[in-house]
Amino acid sequence: MQRNKSILLITLIACLWTGEAIAKPRASTGQLCIIRRVIDGDTVEAECNQVIKKLRFCGIDAPEKSQPFGEEAMARTEFLINADGGKFIAQITGIDRYDRFIANLLVWNSDRFESVNENLIKAGLAYIYPEYIYKCANRADLRKAEGTARSVKLNLWSSDYQKPWDFRRDERESK
């Protein structure tokens, strides 16, 4: 098992080095990153190619820390990223208005890569971010995951909680 993981990591680094595509689940290149800190459920700070970057998860919006399930979303992000020693692949799709890199984060999970973004949606700990989902290569998977979480009323879908974008708007307007 450890040998297979080492072989895969070597293959992944070779793919990144040569610019070849990463194998499933998403066929695209990415940057190997090491976590520095989890800022909240959908934003992390990491070192990618020896550069410190703030990464905002593509197409999703997790609750703010003070909202219901905000701490749980943050804890799940920490767990998923730290399960493989804090290493992950960032598939960067752009930069937002706060100069954060928008990215799909992939972590190694036993025998395959798994999207952290999709995992948070699937767990009912983040919503699809309607304004920004179109930039995500895995938007169909994100929509399907949200439909499943909603249908079983998982976490955020168990009640009519305020959406994070509405929460932030209300916070700005109250100042």
C-alpha atoms as a PDB file:
ATOM      1  CA  MET A   1       0.000   0.000   0.000  1.00  0.00           C
ATOM      2  CA  GLN A   2       2.748   2.473   0.996  1.00  0.00           C
ATOM      3  CA  ARG A   3       4.772   1.425  -2.081  1.00  0.00           C
ATOM      4  CA  ASN A   4       1.784   2.098  -4.370  1.00  0.00           C
ATOM      5  CA  LYS A   5       1.284   5.499  -2.780  1.00  0.00           C
ATOM      6  CA  SER A   6       4.968   6.342  -3.315  1.00  0.00           C
ATOM      7  CA  ILE A   7       4.830   5.238  -6.945  1.00  0.00           C
ATOM      8  CA  LEU A   8       1.736   7.341  -7.520  1.00  0.00           C
ATOM      9  CA  LEU A   9       3.314  10.404  -5.911  1.00  0.00           C
ATOM     10  CA  ILE A  10       6.410  10.005  -8.120  1.00  0.00           C
ATOM     11  CA  THR A  11       4.180   9.643 -11.184  1.00  0.00           C
ATOM     12  CA  LEU A  12       2.163  12.698 -10.174  1.00  0.00           C
ATOM     13  CA  ILE A  13       5.293  14.802  -9.696  1.00  0.00           C
ATOM     14  CA  ALA A  14       6.587  13.622 -13.085  1.00  0.00           C
ATOM     15  CA  CYS A  15       3.278  14.613 -14.697  1.00  0.00           C
ATOM     16  CA  LEU A  16       3.402  18.039 -13.088  1.00  0.00           C
ATOM     17  CA  TRP A  17       7.059  18.487 -14.023  1.00  0.00           C
ATOM     18  CA  THR A  18       6.459  17.613 -17.685  1.00  0.00           C
ATOM     19  CA  GLY A  19       3.085  19.324 -17.900  1.00  0.00           C
ATOM     20  CA  GLU A  20       1.268  16.079 -18.693  1.00  0.00           C
ATOM     21  CA  ALA A  21      -2.323  15.670 -17.536  1.00  0.00           C
ATOM     22  CA  ILE A  22      -3.214  14.205 -14.151  1.00  0.00           C
ATOM     23  CA  ALA A  23      -5.184  10.981 -14.330  1.00  0.00           C
ATOM     24  CA  LYS A  24      -8.840  10.845 -13.253  1.00  0.00           C
ATOM     25  CA  PRO A  25     -10.898  12.173 -11.577  1.00  0.00           C
ATOM     26  CA  ARG A  26     -10.143  15.363 -13.525  1.00  0.00           C
ATOM     27  CA  ALA A  27      -7.838  15.330 -16.505  1.00  0.00           C
ATOM     28  CA  SER A  28      -5.898  18.572 -16.109  1.00  0.00           C
ATOM     29  CA  THR A  29      -2.635  19.789 -14.689  1.00  0.00           C
ATOM     30  CA  GLY A  30      -2.262  21.196 -11.241  1.00  0.00           C
ATOM     31  CA  GLN A  31       0.262  22.392  -8.708  1.00  0.00           C
ATOM     32  CA  LEU A  32       1.559  20.293  -5.844  1.00  0.00           C
ATOM     33  CA  CYS A  33       0.911  22.263  -2.641  1.00  0.00           C
ATOM     34  CA  ILE A  34       1.567  21.892   1.071  1.00  0.00           C
ATOM     35  CA  ILE A  35      -0.947  23.329   3.523  1.00  0.00           C
ATOM     36  CA  ARG A  36       0.146  26.175   5.789  1.00  0.00           C
ATOM     37  CA  ARG A  37      -3.250  26.889   7.352  1.00  0.00           C
ATOM     38  CA  VAL A  38      -6.963  26.472   6.819  1.00  0.00           C
ATOM     39  CA  ILE A  39      -8.558  29.915   6.924  1.00  0.00           C
ATOM     40  CA  ASP A  40     -12.154  28.690   6.804  1.00  0.00           C
ATOM     41  CA  GLY A  41     -14.200  25.967   5.136  1.00  0.00           C
ATOM     42  CA  ASP A  42     -13.497  27.121   1.583  1.00  0.00           C
ATOM     43  CA  THR A  43     -10.198  29.013   1.796  1.00  0.00           C
ATOM     44  CA  VAL A  44      -6.679  27.839   2.623  1.00  0.00           C
ATOM     45  CA  GLU A  45      -3.175  29.204   2.576  1.00  0.00           C
ATOM     46  CA  ALA A  46      -0.595  26.907   1.041  1.00  0.00           C
ATOM     47  CA  GLU A  47       2.859  26.767  -0.423  1.00  0.00           C
ATOM     48  CA  CYS A  48       2.635  25.850  -4.108  1.00  0.00           C
ATOM     49  CA  ASN A  49       5.843  25.664  -6.142  1.00  0.00           C
ATOM     50  CA  GLN A  50       7.656  27.522  -3.346  1.00  0.00           C
ATOM     51  CA  VAL A  51       5.174  30.424  -3.452  1.00  0.00           C
ATOM     52  CA  ILE A  52       2.681  31.154  -0.649  1.00  0.00           C
ATOM     53  CA  LYS A  53      -0.844  31.400  -2.077  1.00  0.00           C
ATOM     54  CA  LYS A  54      -4.330  31.920  -0.713  1.00  0.00           C
ATOM     55  CA  LEU A  55      -6.628  29.457  -2.439  1.00  0.00           C
ATOM     56  CA  ARG A  56     -10.411  29.906  -2.613  1.00  0.00           C
ATOM     57  CA  PHE A  57     -12.296  26.738  -3.541  1.00  0.00           C
ATOM     58  CA  CYS A  58     -13.822  26.899  -7.001  1.00  0.00           C
ATOM     59  CA  GLY A  59     -17.613  26.993  -7.281  1.00  0.00           C
ATOM     60  CA  ILE A  60     -18.522  26.516  -3.634  1.00  0.00           C
ATOM     61  CA  ASP A  61     -19.335  28.682  -0.640  1.00  0.00           C
ATOM     62  CA  ALA A  62     -19.007  27.265   2.867  1.00  0.00           C
ATOM     63  CA  PRO A  63     -20.682  28.951   5.832  1.00  0.00           C
ATOM     64  CA  GLU A  64     -18.710  31.590   7.700  1.00  0.00           C
ATOM     65  CA  LYS A  65     -17.217  30.378  10.998  1.00  0.00           C
ATOM     66  CA  SER A  66     -19.949  32.099  13.031  1.00  0.00           C
ATOM     67  CA  GLN A  67     -22.753  30.519  10.971  1.00  0.00           C
ATOM     68  CA  PRO A  68     -24.291  27.088  11.571  1.00  0.00           C
ATOM     69  CA  PHE A  69     -21.927  24.400  10.211  1.00  0.00           C
ATOM     70  CA  GLY A  70     -19.111  26.922   9.665  1.00  0.00           C
ATOM     71  CA  GLU A  71     -16.803  25.238  12.164  1.00  0.00           C
ATOM     72  CA  GLU A  72     -17.741  21.799  10.812  1.00  0.00           C
ATOM     73  CA  ALA A  73     -16.886  22.858   7.249  1.00  0.00           C
ATOM     74  CA  MET A  74     -13.512  24.162   8.423  1.00  0.00           C
ATOM     75  CA  ALA A  75     -12.818  20.959  10.392  1.00  0.00           C
ATOM     76  CA  ARG A  76     -13.700  18.788   7.382  1.00  0.00           C
ATOM     77  CA  THR A  77     -11.384  20.816   5.141  1.00  0.00           C
ATOM     78  CA  GLU A  78      -8.567  20.397   7.677  1.00  0.00           C
ATOM     79  CA  PHE A  79      -9.233  16.671   7.960  1.00  0.00           C
ATOM     80  CA  LEU A  80      -9.326  16.053   4.197  1.00  0.00           C
ATOM     81  CA  ILE A  81      -6.145  17.995   3.493  1.00  0.00           C
ATOM     82  CA  ASN A  82      -4.186  16.721   6.497  1.00  0.00           C
ATOM     83  CA  ALA A  83      -5.142  13.071   5.916  1.00  0.00           C
ATOM     84  CA  ASP A  84      -2.302  12.833   3.383  1.00  0.00           C
ATOM     85  CA  GLY A  85       0.263  14.829   5.296  1.00  0.00           C
ATOM     86  CA  GLY A  86      -1.004  18.219   4.180  1.00  0.00           C
ATOM     87  CA  LYS A  87      -0.209  17.663   0.498  1.00  0.00           C
ATOM     88  CA  PHE A  88      -2.726  18.326  -2.256  1.00  0.00           C
ATOM     89  CA  ILE A  89      -3.029  19.293  -5.895  1.00  0.00           C
ATOM     90  CA  ALA A  90      -4.456  22.738  -6.698  1.00  0.00           C
ATOM     91  CA  GLN A  91      -6.072  23.080 -10.119  1.00  0.00           C
ATOM     92  CA  ILE A  92      -6.125  26.864 -10.423  1.00  0.00           C
ATOM     93  CA  THR A  93      -8.819  28.389 -12.646  1.00  0.00           C
ATOM     94  CA  GLY A  94      -8.365  32.108 -11.989  1.00  0.00           C
ATOM     95  CA  ILE A  95      -7.977  34.884  -9.430  1.00  0.00           C
ATOM     96  CA  ASP A  96     -10.834  36.564  -7.561  1.00  0.00           C
ATOM     97  CA  ARG A  97     -11.300  40.228  -6.638  1.00  0.00           C
ATOM     98  CA  TYR A  98      -9.435  39.655  -3.357  1.00  0.00           C
ATOM     99  CA  ASP A  99      -6.380  38.275  -5.220  1.00  0.00           C
ATOM    100  CA  ARG A 100      -7.029  34.722  -4.050  1.00  0.00           C
ATOM    101  CA  PHE A 101      -6.377  31.912  -6.487  1.00  0.00           C
ATOM    102  CA  ILE A 102      -9.592  30.055  -7.385  1.00  0.00           C
ATOM    103  CA  ALA A 103      -8.915  26.326  -7.366  1.00  0.00           C
ATOM    104  CA  ASN A 104     -10.232  22.811  -7.231  1.00  0.00           C
ATOM    105  CA  LEU A 105      -8.272  20.967  -4.538  1.00  0.00           C
ATOM    106  CA  LEU A 106      -7.500  17.291  -5.008  1.00  0.00           C
ATOM    107  CA  VAL A 107      -6.346  15.029  -2.190  1.00  0.00           C
ATOM    108  CA  TRP A 108      -5.235  11.424  -2.391  1.00  0.00           C
ATOM    109  CA  ASN A 109      -7.838   9.104  -0.881  1.00  0.00           C
ATOM    110  CA  SER A 110      -6.677   5.463  -0.700  1.00  0.00           C
ATOM    111  CA  ASP A 111      -6.644   4.699  -4.419  1.00  0.00           C
ATOM    112  CA  ARG A 112      -7.782   7.855  -6.206  1.00  0.00           C
ATOM    113  CA  PHE A 113      -7.847  11.621  -6.153  1.00  0.00           C
ATOM    114  CA  GLU A 114     -10.838  13.228  -4.492  1.00  0.00           C
ATOM    115  CA  SER A 115     -12.026  16.820  -4.857  1.00  0.00           C
ATOM    116  CA  VAL A 116     -12.166  18.633  -1.506  1.00  0.00           C
ATOM    117  CA  ASN A 117     -14.656  21.049  -3.075  1.00  0.00           C
ATOM    118  CA  GLU A 118     -16.984  18.226  -4.084  1.00  0.00           C
ATOM    119  CA  ASN A 119     -16.559  16.439  -0.746  1.00  0.00           C
ATOM    120  CA  LEU A 120     -17.735  19.531   1.167  1.00  0.00           C
ATOM    121  CA  ILE A 121     -20.803  19.828  -1.078  1.00  0.00           C
ATOM    122  CA  LYS A 122     -21.526  16.099  -0.787  1.00  0.00           C
ATOM    123  CA  ALA A 123     -21.331  16.336   3.027  1.00  0.00           C
ATOM    124  CA  GLY A 124     -23.838  19.198   3.055  1.00  0.00           C
ATOM    125  CA  LEU A 125     -21.176  21.565   4.425  1.00  0.00           C
ATOM    126  CA  ALA A 126     -21.053  23.993   1.489  1.00  0.00           C
ATOM    127  CA  TYR A 127     -23.363  25.360  -1.172  1.00  0.00           C
ATOM    128  CA  ILE A 128     -22.736  25.754  -4.853  1.00  0.00           C
ATOM    129  CA  TYR A 129     -21.728  29.375  -5.410  1.00  0.00           C
ATOM    130  CA  PRO A 130     -24.035  30.281  -8.330  1.00  0.00           C
ATOM    131  CA  GLU A 131     -22.029  33.290  -9.519  1.00  0.00           C
ATOM    132  CA  TYR A 132     -18.786  31.337  -9.803  1.00  0.00           C
ATOM    133  CA  ILE A 133     -19.614  27.717 -10.607  1.00  0.00           C
ATOM    134  CA  TYR A 134     -19.228  28.237 -14.352  1.00  0.00           C
ATOM    135  CA  LYS A 135     -15.425  28.508 -13.889  1.00  0.00           C
ATOM    136  CA  CYS A 136     -15.162  24.995 -12.438  1.00  0.00           C
ATOM    137  CA  ALA A 137     -14.343  22.044 -14.679  1.00  0.00           C
ATOM    138  CA  ASN A 138     -16.176  19.719 -12.270  1.00  0.00           C
ATOM    139  CA  ARG A 139     -19.375  21.818 -12.071  1.00  0.00           C
ATOM    140  CA  ALA A 140     -21.592  18.898 -13.146  1.00  0.00           C
ATOM    141  CA  ASP A 141     -20.198  16.777 -10.297  1.00  0.00           C
ATOM    142  CA  LEU A 142     -20.701  19.653  -7.851  1.00  0.00           C
ATOM    143  CA  ARG A 143     -24.327  20.078  -8.946  1.00  0.00           C
ATOM    144  CA  LYS A 144     -24.983  16.349  -8.630  1.00  0.00           C
ATOM    145  CA  ALA A 145     -23.382  16.262  -5.150  1.00  0.00           C
ATOM    146  CA  GLU A 146     -25.488  19.202  -3.991  1.00  0.00           C
ATOM    147  CA  GLY A 147     -28.663  17.564  -5.314  1.00  0.00           C
ATOM    148  CA  THR A 148     -27.871  14.417  -3.338  1.00  0.00           C
ATOM    149  CA  ALA A 149     -27.108  16.316  -0.101  1.00  0.00           C
ATOM    150  CA  ARG A 150     -30.276  18.388  -0.523  1.00  0.00           C
ATOM    151  CA  SER A 151     -32.474  15.345  -1.194  1.00  0.00           C
ATOM    152  CA  VAL A 152     -31.417  13.676   2.075  1.00  0.00           C
ATOM    153  CA  LYS A 153     -31.492  16.991   4.003  1.00  0.00           C
ATOM    154  CA  LEU A 154     -27.865  16.667   5.038  1.00  0.00           C
ATOM    155  CA  ASN A 155     -26.426  19.330   7.392  1.00  0.00           C
ATOM    156  CA  LEU A 156     -26.977  22.714   5.659  1.00  0.00           C
ATOM    157  CA  TRP A 157     -30.013  21.246   3.932  1.00  0.00           C
ATOM    158  CA  SER A 158     -31.637  20.139   7.219  1.00  0.00           C
ATOM    159  CA  SER A 159     -33.196  23.592   7.671  1.00  0.00           C
ATOM    160  CA  ASP A 160     -33.493  26.927   5.879  1.00  0.00           C
ATOM    161  CA  TYR A 161     -30.133  28.401   6.914  1.00  0.00           C
ATOM    162  CA  GLN A 162     -28.943  31.740   5.620  1.00  0.00           C
ATOM    163  CA  LYS A 163     -26.620  31.352   2.632  1.00  0.00           C
ATOM    164  CA  PRO A 164     -23.040  32.570   3.233  1.00  0.00           C
ATOM    165  CA  TRP A 165     -23.225  35.217   0.486  1.00  0.00           C
ATOM    166  CA  ASP A 166     -26.378  36.655   2.088  1.00  0.00           C
ATOM    167  CA  PHE A 167     -24.729  36.548   5.514  1.00  0.00           C
ATOM    168  CA  ARG A 168     -21.697  38.498   4.246  1.00  0.00           C
ATOM    169  CA  ARG A 169     -23.937  41.034   2.485  1.00  0.00           C
ATOM    170  CA  ASP A 170     -25.944  41.585   5.679  1.00  0.00           C
ATOM    171  CA  GLU A 171     -22.696  41.986   7.655  1.00  0.00           C
ATOM    172  CA  ARG A 172     -21.424  44.632   5.209  1.00  0.00           C
ATOM    173  CA  GLU A 173     -24.735  46.511   5.217  1.00  0.00           C
ATOM    174  CA  SER A 174     -24.944  46.585   9.013  1.00  0.00           C
ATOM    175  CA  LYS A 175     -21.629  48.449   9.295  1.00  0.00           C
END
